[in-house]
């Protein structure tokens, strides 16, 4: 049962089509590992996972152990990969639950390997190479080689991440990764998976795809590429309904501190969403919702749980009418790129910041 009027609609058909397009773009020899960190960028990792699995995902990638465990509890055997750091004290949980871990130190490899051996198994890892991003990873070939020879460890892959500064810097990073791989292969190490591309670089740099790509925002229909092209569709919408209508006189104020006052006799709609749902508070005087096909500006200071919109020009407006917060961009709705521009951030943050409070409604 849906207990709120404010919901996130997730179009699983669009996600499936986006995955099909990505798989077709990279070809059958390249594994696709969709990134479902941050609750699948706000769309709900457990809810979208089956669609990703059905449409060609070889792995599901998350950022943290807690995210991995949520998926492991729902999908006992599916390959899961932790992109980020897992603290030493928790590495036993990684081994116990057959989760593939990013490793970038001999120290952690030994802890994870020992935990795996105690369970009668070997722990799968991917080596993280620092090619210049300087976030996680190392570029010490000797230490990476030592990790590869750690008892209880199966080094399945090796990877890095582009800083996406410009083509020249991206090439430097790719070349550095390939140099590290060559040096390790020369010592007899082999890797099942090699990867460096995210959503943007997987489209823009076909030559960097190697044999695995890690699309994130692209899976959910958000475009960030510049050189290449793949057809994807935004898979989410954020919607609510009018709680109450107020008819106010010119000069009356709305919301905290009356920072907005009506320039004319107006009809104001109260909407049951606010910044505690993940909507940017700085959208005051910039944001709008779409009601009956008309853009209705948000007025007054956004509240934690509610906000107000000027609906004076909406003919026959009524309590209970649907209000589209984020839509596809069609029919006067605000799409995610527009929301990001108005809020002064990027597209990923706009959707990832939507909290768990609005129910996710999956359209199949």
Protein backbone atom coordinates (compact mmCIF):
# COMPACT_ATOMS: atom_id res chain seq x y z
CA UNK A 1 0.00 0.00 0.00
CA UNK A 2 1.30 3.46 -0.94
CA UNK A 3 1.04 5.68 2.14
CA UNK A 4 1.97 9.03 0.58
CA UNK A 5 0.93 11.15 -2.37
CA UNK A 6 4.60 12.01 -2.98
CA UNK A 7 6.21 9.16 -4.91
CA UNK A 8 9.13 8.35 -7.18
CA UNK A 9 7.93 6.53 -10.28
CA UNK A 10 10.55 4.21 -11.79
CA UNK A 11 9.97 2.97 -15.33
CA UNK A 12 11.57 -0.46 -15.44
CA UNK A 13 10.81 -0.67 -19.15
CA UNK A 14 13.06 2.32 -19.73
CA UNK A 15 15.83 0.84 -17.59
CA UNK A 16 15.63 -2.41 -19.52
CA UNK A 17 15.77 -0.58 -22.85
CA UNK A 18 18.70 1.52 -21.62
CA UNK A 19 20.60 -1.61 -20.60
CA UNK A 20 19.86 -3.20 -23.98
CA UNK A 21 21.22 -0.11 -25.72
CA UNK A 22 24.39 -0.13 -23.62
CA UNK A 23 24.99 -3.84 -24.19
CA UNK A 24 24.47 -3.39 -27.92
CA UNK A 25 26.84 -0.41 -27.94
CA UNK A 26 29.73 -2.27 -26.28
CA UNK A 27 29.16 -5.64 -27.91
CA UNK A 28 29.05 -9.18 -26.52
CA UNK A 29 32.75 -9.31 -25.65
CA UNK A 30 32.47 -6.49 -23.10
CA UNK A 31 30.85 -7.20 -19.73
CA UNK A 32 28.42 -4.59 -18.42
CA UNK A 33 28.52 -3.92 -14.67
CA UNK A 34 25.76 -1.41 -13.89
CA UNK A 35 26.39 0.76 -10.85
CA UNK A 36 23.58 0.63 -8.29
CA UNK A 37 25.30 2.54 -5.49
CA UNK A 38 23.37 5.21 -3.56
CA UNK A 39 20.24 3.07 -3.78
CA UNK A 40 20.57 2.88 -7.58
CA UNK A 41 20.99 6.64 -7.77
CA UNK A 42 17.81 7.04 -5.76
CA UNK A 43 15.66 4.69 -7.84
CA UNK A 44 15.89 1.73 -5.44
CA UNK A 45 18.66 -0.86 -5.84
CA UNK A 46 16.65 -3.90 -4.82
CA UNK A 47 13.75 -2.82 -7.01
CA UNK A 48 15.73 -2.25 -10.21
CA UNK A 49 18.17 -5.16 -9.80
CA UNK A 50 16.00 -7.86 -11.45
CA UNK A 51 15.58 -5.72 -14.56
CA UNK A 52 19.33 -5.17 -14.77
CA UNK A 53 19.95 -8.88 -14.37
CA UNK A 54 17.44 -9.75 -17.06
CA UNK A 55 19.01 -7.28 -19.50
CA UNK A 56 22.62 -8.35 -19.44
CA UNK A 57 24.29 -7.26 -16.19
CA UNK A 58 27.28 -9.48 -15.35
CA UNK A 59 27.80 -7.81 -11.98
CA UNK A 60 26.06 -5.21 -9.84
CA UNK A 61 28.42 -2.55 -8.44
CA UNK A 62 27.90 -0.68 -5.18
CA UNK A 63 30.01 1.71 -3.13
CA UNK A 64 29.79 0.20 0.34
CA UNK A 65 29.41 -3.08 2.19
CA UNK A 66 26.04 -1.98 3.60
CA UNK A 67 24.75 -1.48 0.05
CA UNK A 68 26.12 -4.87 -0.97
CA UNK A 69 24.46 -6.60 1.97
CA UNK A 70 21.07 -5.13 1.13
CA UNK A 71 21.36 -6.72 -2.30
CA UNK A 72 22.85 -9.96 -0.99
CA UNK A 73 19.90 -10.45 1.33
CA UNK A 74 17.56 -10.08 -1.63
CA UNK A 75 19.65 -11.95 -4.22
CA UNK A 76 21.68 -14.70 -2.60
CA UNK A 77 23.94 -15.66 -5.48
CA UNK A 78 24.25 -12.72 -7.86
CA UNK A 79 27.77 -11.31 -8.40
CA UNK A 80 28.22 -8.10 -6.38
CA UNK A 81 31.20 -5.76 -6.47
CA UNK A 82 32.17 -3.11 -3.90
CA UNK A 83 33.80 -0.16 -5.65
CA UNK A 84 34.88 1.53 -2.43
CA UNK A 85 36.87 0.81 0.71
CA UNK A 86 35.68 -1.70 3.30
CA UNK A 87 37.24 -1.27 6.77
CA UNK A 88 39.53 -4.06 7.99
CA UNK A 89 37.12 -5.17 10.72
CA UNK A 90 34.38 -5.88 8.15
CA UNK A 91 36.33 -7.82 5.55
CA UNK A 92 35.22 -11.13 7.06
CA UNK A 93 31.63 -10.24 6.12
CA UNK A 94 32.77 -9.66 2.54
CA UNK A 95 34.32 -13.13 2.39
CA UNK A 96 31.39 -14.81 4.10
CA UNK A 97 28.90 -13.36 1.62
CA UNK A 98 30.89 -13.99 -1.57
CA UNK A 99 31.17 -10.31 -2.43
CA UNK A 100 33.95 -9.13 -4.73
CA UNK A 101 36.02 -6.41 -3.06
CA UNK A 102 38.15 -3.54 -4.31
CA UNK A 103 41.65 -3.98 -2.86
CA UNK A 104 44.56 -1.55 -2.97
CA UNK A 105 46.90 -2.72 -0.21
CA UNK A 106 48.75 -5.89 0.72
CA UNK A 107 47.57 -5.35 4.29
CA UNK A 108 43.90 -5.62 3.39
CA UNK A 109 44.51 -8.49 1.02
CA UNK A 110 46.05 -10.49 3.84
CA UNK A 111 43.11 -9.83 6.17
CA UNK A 112 40.55 -10.72 3.52
CA UNK A 113 42.54 -13.77 2.40
CA UNK A 114 42.81 -15.08 5.95
CA UNK A 115 39.06 -14.64 6.46
CA UNK A 116 38.32 -16.48 3.23
CA UNK A 117 40.63 -19.38 4.06
CA UNK A 118 38.92 -19.79 7.43
CA UNK A 119 35.71 -20.35 5.45
CA UNK A 120 37.38 -22.79 3.07
CA UNK A 121 37.26 -20.45 0.09
CA UNK A 122 39.14 -17.73 -1.79
CA UNK A 123 37.95 -14.15 -1.90
CA UNK A 124 37.54 -12.47 -5.28
CA UNK A 125 39.05 -9.00 -5.61
CA UNK A 126 39.73 -6.35 -8.23
CA UNK A 127 42.92 -4.32 -7.89
CA UNK A 128 42.40 -0.54 -7.84
CA UNK A 129 45.14 1.34 -9.67
CA UNK A 130 45.63 5.04 -9.01
CA UNK A 131 46.22 6.48 -12.46
CA UNK A 132 45.98 10.11 -11.37
CA UNK A 133 42.54 10.60 -9.83
CA UNK A 134 44.15 10.22 -6.37
CA UNK A 135 40.98 8.98 -4.72
CA UNK A 136 41.57 5.28 -4.06
CA UNK A 137 44.24 2.97 -5.43
CA UNK A 138 47.99 2.57 -5.77
CA UNK A 139 50.39 2.46 -8.68
CA UNK A 140 53.14 0.38 -7.00
CA UNK A 141 53.53 -2.64 -9.26
CA UNK A 142 55.48 -4.58 -6.64
CA UNK A 143 52.70 -4.22 -4.06
CA UNK A 144 50.03 -5.03 -6.61
CA UNK A 145 52.00 -8.15 -7.56
CA UNK A 146 52.26 -9.10 -3.90
CA UNK A 147 48.48 -8.80 -3.57
CA UNK A 148 48.10 -11.16 -6.51
CA UNK A 149 50.13 -13.77 -4.63
CA UNK A 150 48.33 -13.44 -1.30
CA UNK A 151 47.00 -16.73 0.02
CA UNK A 152 43.20 -16.89 -0.01
CA UNK A 153 42.87 -14.16 -2.65
CA UNK A 154 41.66 -14.58 -6.23
CA UNK A 155 42.49 -11.49 -8.26
CA UNK A 156 39.69 -11.46 -10.81
CA UNK A 157 40.11 -7.94 -12.18
CA UNK A 158 42.02 -4.69 -12.29
CA UNK A 159 40.61 -1.21 -12.79
CA UNK A 160 40.86 2.54 -12.43
CA UNK A 161 38.70 5.62 -12.88
CA UNK A 162 39.12 8.57 -15.20
CA UNK A 163 39.13 12.11 -13.84
CA UNK A 164 37.54 13.24 -17.14
CA UNK A 165 39.56 16.46 -17.29
CA UNK A 166 40.10 16.42 -21.05
CA UNK A 167 41.08 13.97 -23.78
CA UNK A 168 44.81 14.39 -23.16
CA UNK A 169 44.58 13.70 -19.43
CA UNK A 170 42.17 10.80 -20.00
CA UNK A 171 44.66 9.23 -22.40
CA UNK A 172 47.45 9.60 -19.84
CA UNK A 173 45.38 7.76 -17.26
CA UNK A 174 44.40 5.00 -19.65
CA UNK A 175 48.02 4.58 -20.76
CA UNK A 176 49.16 4.35 -17.14
CA UNK A 177 46.61 1.64 -16.36
CA UNK A 178 47.67 -0.35 -19.42
CA UNK A 179 51.30 0.00 -18.38
CA UNK A 180 50.57 -1.42 -14.93
CA UNK A 181 48.57 -4.28 -16.46
CA UNK A 182 51.41 -5.07 -18.89
CA UNK A 183 53.96 -5.08 -16.08
CA UNK A 184 51.86 -7.50 -14.02
CA UNK A 185 51.07 -9.75 -16.99
CA UNK A 186 54.79 -9.89 -17.72
CA UNK A 187 55.18 -11.40 -14.25
CA UNK A 188 52.59 -14.06 -15.07
CA UNK A 189 49.43 -12.46 -13.66
CA UNK A 190 46.23 -12.69 -15.70
CA UNK A 191 42.97 -10.80 -15.25
CA UNK A 192 39.48 -11.87 -16.23
CA UNK A 193 38.21 -8.28 -16.18
CA UNK A 194 39.90 -4.97 -16.97
CA UNK A 195 37.90 -1.75 -16.70
CA UNK A 196 38.22 2.02 -16.51
CA UNK A 197 35.13 3.50 -18.17
CA UNK A 198 32.06 4.95 -16.46
CA UNK A 199 28.89 6.19 -18.18
CA UNK A 200 30.53 9.13 -19.94
CA UNK A 201 33.78 7.50 -21.00
CA UNK A 202 32.11 4.25 -22.07
CA UNK A 203 30.26 6.24 -24.73
CA UNK A 204 32.94 8.78 -25.62
CA UNK A 205 35.96 6.42 -25.69
CA UNK A 206 35.16 3.08 -27.34
CA UNK A 207 38.89 2.30 -27.33
CA UNK A 208 38.96 2.44 -23.50
CA UNK A 209 36.18 -0.07 -22.88
CA UNK A 210 38.58 -3.01 -22.48
CA UNK A 211 36.38 -5.98 -21.53
CA UNK A 212 34.16 -4.39 -18.87
CA UNK A 213 32.31 -1.08 -18.48
CA UNK A 214 30.68 0.47 -15.41
CA UNK A 215 27.65 2.54 -16.49
CA UNK A 216 25.81 4.33 -13.72
CA UNK A 217 23.73 7.39 -14.61
CA UNK A 218 23.46 6.12 -18.19
CA UNK A 219 21.45 3.10 -17.02
CA UNK A 220 18.86 5.45 -15.54
CA UNK A 221 18.65 7.55 -18.68
CA UNK A 222 20.88 10.49 -17.73
CA UNK A 223 23.17 11.62 -20.50
CA UNK A 224 26.62 13.08 -19.89
CA UNK A 225 28.55 12.05 -22.98
CA UNK A 226 30.03 14.57 -25.39
CA UNK A 227 31.58 12.75 -28.37
CA UNK A 228 29.62 9.54 -28.80
CA UNK A 229 25.93 8.80 -28.58
CA UNK A 230 23.61 6.11 -27.27
CA UNK A 231 19.84 6.38 -27.06
CA UNK A 232 18.65 6.24 -23.46
CA UNK A 233 15.46 7.40 -21.74
CA UNK A 234 15.06 9.00 -18.32
CA UNK A 235 13.61 6.26 -16.14
CA UNK A 236 12.25 8.21 -13.18
CA UNK A 237 9.66 10.82 -12.34
CA UNK A 238 8.98 12.55 -9.03
CA UNK A 239 5.31 13.35 -8.40
CA UNK A 240 2.91 14.51 -5.71
CA UNK A 241 -0.65 15.87 -5.32
CA UNK A 242 -2.12 19.11 -4.03
CA UNK A 243 -2.99 18.93 -0.33
CA UNK A 244 -4.83 22.23 0.02
CA UNK A 245 -5.66 25.40 -1.92
CA UNK A 246 -5.54 28.89 -0.39
CA UNK A 247 -7.07 31.97 -1.99
CA UNK A 248 -5.10 34.98 -0.80
CA UNK A 249 -5.23 38.74 -1.41
CA UNK A 250 -2.57 40.87 -3.07
CA UNK A 251 0.14 41.74 -0.56
CA UNK A 252 -0.34 38.69 1.65
CA UNK A 253 2.73 36.61 2.42
CA UNK A 254 3.38 32.90 2.05
CA UNK A 255 5.71 30.75 4.13
CA UNK A 256 8.46 31.54 6.62
CA UNK A 257 9.33 35.23 7.04
CA UNK A 258 6.84 36.10 4.26
CA UNK A 259 9.77 36.25 1.86
CA UNK A 260 7.24 35.96 -0.95
CA UNK A 261 4.21 38.21 -1.10
CA UNK A 262 1.47 38.00 -3.69
CA UNK A 263 1.58 40.71 -6.33
CA UNK A 264 -2.10 40.00 -7.12
CA UNK A 265 -5.00 38.06 -5.71
CA UNK A 266 -3.68 34.50 -5.96
CA UNK A 267 -4.42 30.82 -5.53
CA UNK A 268 -1.68 29.00 -3.62
CA UNK A 269 -1.34 25.20 -3.55
CA UNK A 270 0.26 23.40 -0.62
CA UNK A 271 2.23 20.36 -1.80
CA UNK A 272 3.38 17.53 0.51
CA UNK A 273 7.09 17.41 -0.31
CA UNK A 274 10.08 19.33 0.97
CA UNK A 275 13.81 19.28 1.46
CA UNK A 276 13.53 16.24 3.78
CA UNK A 277 12.50 14.33 0.65
CA UNK A 278 15.70 15.41 -1.06
CA UNK A 279 14.40 18.39 -3.01
CA UNK A 280 17.00 21.19 -3.11
CA UNK A 281 16.09 23.94 -0.65
CA UNK A 282 17.86 26.50 -2.82
CA UNK A 283 15.19 26.04 -5.52
CA UNK A 284 13.13 28.78 -3.86
CA UNK A 285 12.20 31.40 -6.47
CA UNK A 286 13.59 29.11 -9.20
CA UNK A 287 11.79 25.79 -9.00
CA UNK A 288 8.36 24.91 -10.29
CA UNK A 289 5.98 21.99 -10.53
CA UNK A 290 3.72 21.14 -13.44
CA UNK A 291 -0.02 20.91 -12.82
CA UNK A 292 -2.47 20.25 -15.64
CA UNK A 293 0.33 20.95 -18.12
CA UNK A 294 1.16 24.39 -16.68
CA UNK A 295 4.36 25.44 -14.94
CA UNK A 296 3.55 26.63 -11.42
CA UNK A 297 6.38 28.44 -9.61
CA UNK A 298 7.29 27.46 -6.07
CA UNK A 299 6.78 30.42 -3.75
CA UNK A 300 8.07 31.16 -0.27
CA UNK A 301 10.75 29.32 1.66
CA UNK A 302 10.73 25.56 1.08
CA UNK A 303 9.78 23.69 4.24
CA UNK A 304 11.12 20.36 5.44
CA UNK A 305 7.98 18.46 4.48
CA UNK A 306 5.88 20.85 2.40
CA UNK A 307 6.12 23.68 -0.08
CA UNK A 308 3.77 26.04 -1.85
CA UNK A 309 3.17 26.81 -5.51
CA UNK A 310 1.34 29.62 -7.27
CA UNK A 311 -1.46 27.97 -9.24
CA UNK A 312 -3.47 31.12 -9.97
CA UNK A 313 -3.35 30.59 -13.74
CA UNK A 314 -4.30 26.89 -13.71
CA UNK A 315 -7.88 26.59 -14.88
CA UNK A 316 -10.13 24.48 -12.67
CA UNK A 317 -7.29 23.59 -10.32
CA UNK A 318 -8.44 21.32 -7.51
CA UNK A 319 -7.15 19.69 -4.37
CA UNK A 320 -5.83 16.24 -5.26
CA UNK A 321 -4.55 17.32 -8.68
CA UNK A 322 -1.25 15.67 -9.66
CA UNK A 323 1.86 17.87 -9.56
CA UNK A 324 4.95 16.72 -11.43
CA UNK A 325 8.11 17.71 -9.57
CA UNK A 326 10.57 16.08 -11.97
CA UNK A 327 9.38 14.69 -15.28
CA UNK A 328 10.70 13.86 -18.72
CA UNK A 329 10.88 17.45 -19.94
CA UNK A 330 7.80 16.96 -22.07
CA UNK A 331 4.49 18.70 -21.37
CA UNK A 332 6.15 21.58 -19.51
CA UNK A 333 7.72 19.29 -16.90
CA UNK A 334 11.16 19.85 -15.39
CA UNK A 335 13.60 17.11 -16.34
CA UNK A 336 16.67 16.16 -14.30
CA UNK A 337 19.19 18.22 -16.32
CA UNK A 338 17.06 21.35 -15.85
CA UNK A 339 16.72 20.67 -12.12
CA UNK A 340 20.49 20.26 -11.84
CA UNK A 341 21.12 23.53 -13.65
CA UNK A 342 18.66 25.44 -11.45
CA UNK A 343 20.07 23.93 -8.25
CA UNK A 344 23.67 24.52 -9.30
CA UNK A 345 24.70 20.86 -9.11
CA UNK A 346 24.94 17.81 -11.35
CA UNK A 347 22.28 15.37 -12.52
CA UNK A 348 23.50 12.50 -10.37
CA UNK A 349 23.14 14.48 -7.16
CA UNK A 350 19.58 15.54 -8.01
CA UNK A 351 18.32 11.96 -8.16
CA UNK A 352 20.67 10.41 -5.60
CA UNK A 353 19.64 12.93 -2.95
CA UNK A 354 15.97 11.84 -3.09
CA UNK A 355 15.61 10.11 0.26
CA UNK A 356 13.89 6.85 1.09
CA UNK A 357 10.76 8.57 2.44
CA UNK A 358 8.95 8.90 -0.92
CA UNK A 359 7.82 5.38 -1.92
CA UNK A 360 9.23 3.98 -5.14
CA UNK A 361 6.53 2.86 -7.55
CA UNK A 362 7.83 0.49 -10.24
CA UNK A 363 6.22 0.51 -13.66
CA UNK A 364 6.66 -2.78 -15.51
